[in-house]
Each structure stands twice: as structure tokens, then as C-alpha cells.
């Protein structure tokens, strides 16, 4: 076990009996995981590749477009 893991385990032991603190910790951990999995975590090369892929899909017509907000809202309501 690394020093960091030991420190985390020690810190968790201090919070274990406080349900409110454990809930806050759980929410924070979930946000960290979401942040890690966020699209913003892409490298610049991955981001550029995704943009190029999206542009190709648009050229092929593999997309949905709307002429006004009402049509878009109707389509979103079907999802």
C-alpha cells in the first residue's frame, strides 16, 4: 500500500462515523469520476479527430437539423 493510500484510509476512518460527511464525500467522489470521464478530458488530437468525424457525418447527412426552435423542442420531447 502506498503512502497516499494509507493517508486516504486514515482520513476515511475519521469520517466513517459521520453520515453527513460521508454523503458529502460520496457526492464529491462522483463529481471527480464524472470529471475524469468528461469529454474535456480528451487530448487535443482526440478532440480534433472527433470534430472531423462530426463534420463528415454532417456532410453525409447523418444528423438532425431544424429550421426553428419549436421543431427542435418537439423532436427533443420525443426522446
N, C-alpha and C. Protein backbone atom coordinates (compact mmCIF):
# COMPACT_ATOMS: atom_id res chain seq x y z
N UNK A 1 0.85 -1.17 0.00
CA UNK A 1 0.00 0.00 0.00
C UNK A 1 0.90 1.24 0.00
N UNK A 2 0.56 2.20 -0.82
CA UNK A 2 1.37 3.41 -0.92
C UNK A 2 1.07 4.35 0.24
N UNK A 3 1.92 5.35 0.41
CA UNK A 3 1.72 6.33 1.46
C UNK A 3 0.41 7.09 1.24
N UNK A 4 0.10 7.39 -0.02
CA UNK A 4 -1.15 8.09 -0.33
C UNK A 4 -2.36 7.24 0.04
N UNK A 5 -2.32 5.96 -0.28
CA UNK A 5 -3.42 5.07 0.07
C UNK A 5 -3.59 4.97 1.58
N UNK A 6 -2.49 4.92 2.31
CA UNK A 6 -2.56 4.88 3.78
C UNK A 6 -3.18 6.16 4.33
N UNK A 7 -2.79 7.29 3.76
CA UNK A 7 -3.34 8.57 4.22
C UNK A 7 -4.84 8.65 3.93
N UNK A 8 -5.26 8.18 2.76
CA UNK A 8 -6.68 8.19 2.41
C UNK A 8 -7.45 7.29 3.37
N UNK A 9 -6.91 6.13 3.66
CA UNK A 9 -7.57 5.19 4.57
C UNK A 9 -7.70 5.81 5.96
N UNK A 10 -6.67 6.51 6.42
CA UNK A 10 -6.68 7.17 7.73
C UNK A 10 -7.73 8.29 7.74
N UNK A 11 -7.78 9.07 6.67
CA UNK A 11 -8.76 10.16 6.58
C UNK A 11 -10.19 9.61 6.56
N UNK A 12 -10.40 8.53 5.83
CA UNK A 12 -11.73 7.91 5.75
C UNK A 12 -12.18 7.43 7.12
N UNK A 13 -11.26 6.91 7.90
CA UNK A 13 -11.60 6.41 9.24
C UNK A 13 -12.12 7.54 10.11
N UNK A 14 -11.60 8.75 9.92
CA UNK A 14 -12.05 9.90 10.71
C UNK A 14 -13.47 10.30 10.34
N UNK A 15 -13.88 10.05 9.09
CA UNK A 15 -15.21 10.44 8.62
C UNK A 15 -16.25 9.33 8.75
N UNK A 16 -15.81 8.13 8.93
CA UNK A 16 -16.68 6.95 8.86
C UNK A 16 -17.93 7.06 9.73
N UNK A 17 -17.83 7.67 10.90
CA UNK A 17 -18.96 7.74 11.83
C UNK A 17 -19.87 8.94 11.60
N UNK A 18 -19.53 9.79 10.66
CA UNK A 18 -20.32 10.99 10.38
C UNK A 18 -21.04 10.81 9.05
N UNK A 19 -22.33 10.44 9.11
CA UNK A 19 -23.10 10.14 7.90
C UNK A 19 -23.16 11.33 6.95
N UNK A 20 -23.33 12.52 7.50
CA UNK A 20 -23.40 13.72 6.66
C UNK A 20 -22.12 13.94 5.88
N UNK A 21 -20.98 13.77 6.55
CA UNK A 21 -19.68 13.93 5.88
C UNK A 21 -19.47 12.84 4.84
N UNK A 22 -19.92 11.63 5.13
CA UNK A 22 -19.76 10.54 4.17
C UNK A 22 -20.59 10.81 2.92
N UNK A 23 -21.80 11.38 3.09
CA UNK A 23 -22.63 11.72 1.93
C UNK A 23 -21.95 12.79 1.09
N UNK A 24 -21.37 13.80 1.77
CA UNK A 24 -20.67 14.86 1.03
C UNK A 24 -19.46 14.30 0.29
N UNK A 25 -18.75 13.40 0.95
CA UNK A 25 -17.60 12.78 0.31
C UNK A 25 -18.02 11.96 -0.91
N UNK A 26 -19.12 11.23 -0.77
CA UNK A 26 -19.63 10.43 -1.87
C UNK A 26 -19.98 11.30 -3.07
N UNK A 27 -20.66 12.43 -2.82
CA UNK A 27 -21.01 13.35 -3.91
C UNK A 27 -19.75 13.90 -4.58
N UNK A 28 -18.76 14.23 -3.78
CA UNK A 28 -17.51 14.77 -4.33
C UNK A 28 -16.80 13.72 -5.19
N UNK A 29 -16.76 12.50 -4.71
CA UNK A 29 -16.11 11.42 -5.48
C UNK A 29 -16.85 11.22 -6.81
N UNK A 30 -18.18 11.26 -6.79
CA UNK A 30 -18.96 11.11 -8.03
C UNK A 30 -18.63 12.23 -9.01
N UNK A 31 -18.48 13.46 -8.49
CA UNK A 31 -18.12 14.58 -9.37
C UNK A 31 -16.72 14.39 -9.95
N UNK A 32 -15.80 13.89 -9.15
CA UNK A 32 -14.45 13.64 -9.66
C UNK A 32 -14.46 12.58 -10.76
N UNK A 33 -15.26 11.53 -10.56
CA UNK A 33 -15.35 10.47 -11.58
C UNK A 33 -15.97 11.02 -12.85
N UNK A 34 -17.02 11.82 -12.72
CA UNK A 34 -17.66 12.42 -13.90
C UNK A 34 -16.68 13.34 -14.61
N UNK A 35 -15.91 14.07 -13.84
CA UNK A 35 -14.92 14.98 -14.43
C UNK A 35 -13.86 14.19 -15.19
N UNK A 36 -13.47 13.07 -14.63
CA UNK A 36 -12.46 12.22 -15.28
C UNK A 36 -13.00 11.67 -16.60
N UNK A 37 -14.30 11.34 -16.62
CA UNK A 37 -14.91 10.77 -17.81
C UNK A 37 -15.45 11.82 -18.77
N UNK A 38 -15.30 13.08 -18.41
CA UNK A 38 -15.83 14.18 -19.21
C UNK A 38 -15.10 14.28 -20.55
N UNK A 39 -15.84 14.74 -21.58
CA UNK A 39 -15.23 14.94 -22.89
C UNK A 39 -14.07 15.92 -22.84
N UNK A 40 -14.08 16.83 -21.89
CA UNK A 40 -13.00 17.80 -21.78
C UNK A 40 -11.67 17.12 -21.45
N UNK A 41 -11.73 15.88 -21.05
CA UNK A 41 -10.51 15.15 -20.72
C UNK A 41 -9.80 14.63 -21.97
N UNK A 42 -10.38 14.87 -23.14
CA UNK A 42 -9.73 14.42 -24.37
C UNK A 42 -8.45 15.20 -24.63
N UNK A 43 -7.52 14.54 -25.28
CA UNK A 43 -6.34 15.25 -25.74
C UNK A 43 -6.75 16.11 -26.93
N UNK A 44 -5.89 17.02 -27.32
CA UNK A 44 -6.21 17.89 -28.45
C UNK A 44 -6.38 17.06 -29.73
N UNK A 45 -5.56 16.04 -29.89
CA UNK A 45 -5.67 15.19 -31.07
C UNK A 45 -6.99 14.44 -31.11
N UNK A 46 -7.42 13.93 -29.96
CA UNK A 46 -8.69 13.23 -29.89
C UNK A 46 -9.85 14.18 -30.17
N UNK A 47 -9.75 15.39 -29.65
CA UNK A 47 -10.80 16.39 -29.87
C UNK A 47 -10.91 16.73 -31.35
N UNK A 48 -9.77 16.98 -32.00
CA UNK A 48 -9.76 17.32 -33.43
C UNK A 48 -10.32 16.15 -34.24
N UNK A 49 -9.98 14.93 -33.87
CA UNK A 49 -10.50 13.76 -34.58
C UNK A 49 -12.01 13.67 -34.44
N UNK A 50 -12.54 13.96 -33.25
CA UNK A 50 -13.99 13.93 -33.05
C UNK A 50 -14.69 15.01 -33.87
N UNK A 51 -14.09 16.19 -33.94
CA UNK A 51 -14.68 17.28 -34.74
C UNK A 51 -14.70 16.88 -36.21
N UNK A 52 -13.60 16.31 -36.71
CA UNK A 52 -13.55 15.88 -38.10
C UNK A 52 -14.59 14.79 -38.38
N UNK A 53 -14.74 13.87 -37.46
CA UNK A 53 -15.73 12.81 -37.61
C UNK A 53 -17.14 13.41 -37.67
N UNK A 54 -17.42 14.38 -36.80
CA UNK A 54 -18.73 15.02 -36.80
C UNK A 54 -18.97 15.77 -38.11
N UNK A 55 -17.94 16.44 -38.61
CA UNK A 55 -18.09 17.16 -39.88
C UNK A 55 -18.40 16.20 -41.03
N UNK A 56 -17.75 15.04 -41.02
CA UNK A 56 -18.01 14.03 -42.05
C UNK A 56 -19.45 13.50 -41.95
N UNK A 57 -19.91 13.28 -40.72
CA UNK A 57 -21.29 12.82 -40.52
C UNK A 57 -22.29 13.85 -41.04
N UNK A 58 -22.00 15.11 -40.80
CA UNK A 58 -22.88 16.18 -41.29
C UNK A 58 -22.91 16.20 -42.81
N UNK A 59 -21.75 16.07 -43.43
CA UNK A 59 -21.68 16.04 -44.91
C UNK A 59 -22.49 14.89 -45.48
N UNK A 60 -22.47 13.74 -44.80
CA UNK A 60 -23.22 12.57 -45.26
C UNK A 60 -24.71 12.69 -44.94
N UNK A 61 -25.08 13.66 -44.14
CA UNK A 61 -26.47 13.81 -43.75
C UNK A 61 -26.85 12.98 -42.55
N UNK A 62 -25.87 12.45 -41.85
CA UNK A 62 -26.12 11.64 -40.65
C UNK A 62 -26.31 12.54 -39.44
N UNK A 63 -27.31 13.42 -39.52
CA UNK A 63 -27.56 14.35 -38.43
C UNK A 63 -29.02 14.80 -38.48
N UNK A 64 -29.40 15.53 -37.48
CA UNK A 64 -30.75 16.08 -37.41
C UNK A 64 -30.61 17.60 -37.40
N UNK A 65 -31.38 18.27 -38.25
CA UNK A 65 -31.33 19.74 -38.25
C UNK A 65 -32.76 20.28 -38.18
N UNK A 66 -32.87 21.50 -37.74
CA UNK A 66 -34.17 22.12 -37.54
C UNK A 66 -34.17 23.52 -38.12
N UNK A 67 -35.34 23.93 -38.60
CA UNK A 67 -35.45 25.28 -39.15
C UNK A 67 -35.93 26.28 -38.09
N UNK A 68 -36.45 25.75 -36.98
CA UNK A 68 -36.88 26.65 -35.90
C UNK A 68 -36.85 25.92 -34.56
N UNK A 69 -36.95 26.69 -33.48
CA UNK A 69 -36.86 26.14 -32.13
C UNK A 69 -38.03 25.23 -31.79
N UNK A 70 -39.21 25.54 -32.31
CA UNK A 70 -40.38 24.71 -31.99
C UNK A 70 -40.20 23.29 -32.49
N UNK A 71 -39.68 23.16 -33.72
CA UNK A 71 -39.44 21.82 -34.27
C UNK A 71 -38.40 21.07 -33.44
N UNK A 72 -37.37 21.79 -33.01
CA UNK A 72 -36.34 21.17 -32.18
C UNK A 72 -36.95 20.71 -30.85
N UNK A 73 -37.77 21.57 -30.24
CA UNK A 73 -38.41 21.19 -28.97
C UNK A 73 -39.29 19.96 -29.14
N UNK A 74 -40.05 19.89 -30.23
CA UNK A 74 -40.90 18.72 -30.49
C UNK A 74 -40.05 17.46 -30.61
N UNK A 75 -38.96 17.56 -31.34
CA UNK A 75 -38.08 16.41 -31.52
C UNK A 75 -37.49 15.99 -30.18
N UNK A 76 -37.02 16.95 -29.37
CA UNK A 76 -36.45 16.63 -28.07
C UNK A 76 -37.48 15.97 -27.16
N UNK A 77 -38.73 16.40 -27.25
CA UNK A 77 -39.78 15.81 -26.43
C UNK A 77 -40.03 14.33 -26.78
N UNK A 78 -39.66 13.91 -27.98
CA UNK A 78 -39.86 12.51 -28.35
C UNK A 78 -38.79 11.60 -27.79
N UNK A 79 -37.71 12.16 -27.30
CA UNK A 79 -36.60 11.34 -26.79
C UNK A 79 -36.90 10.80 -25.41
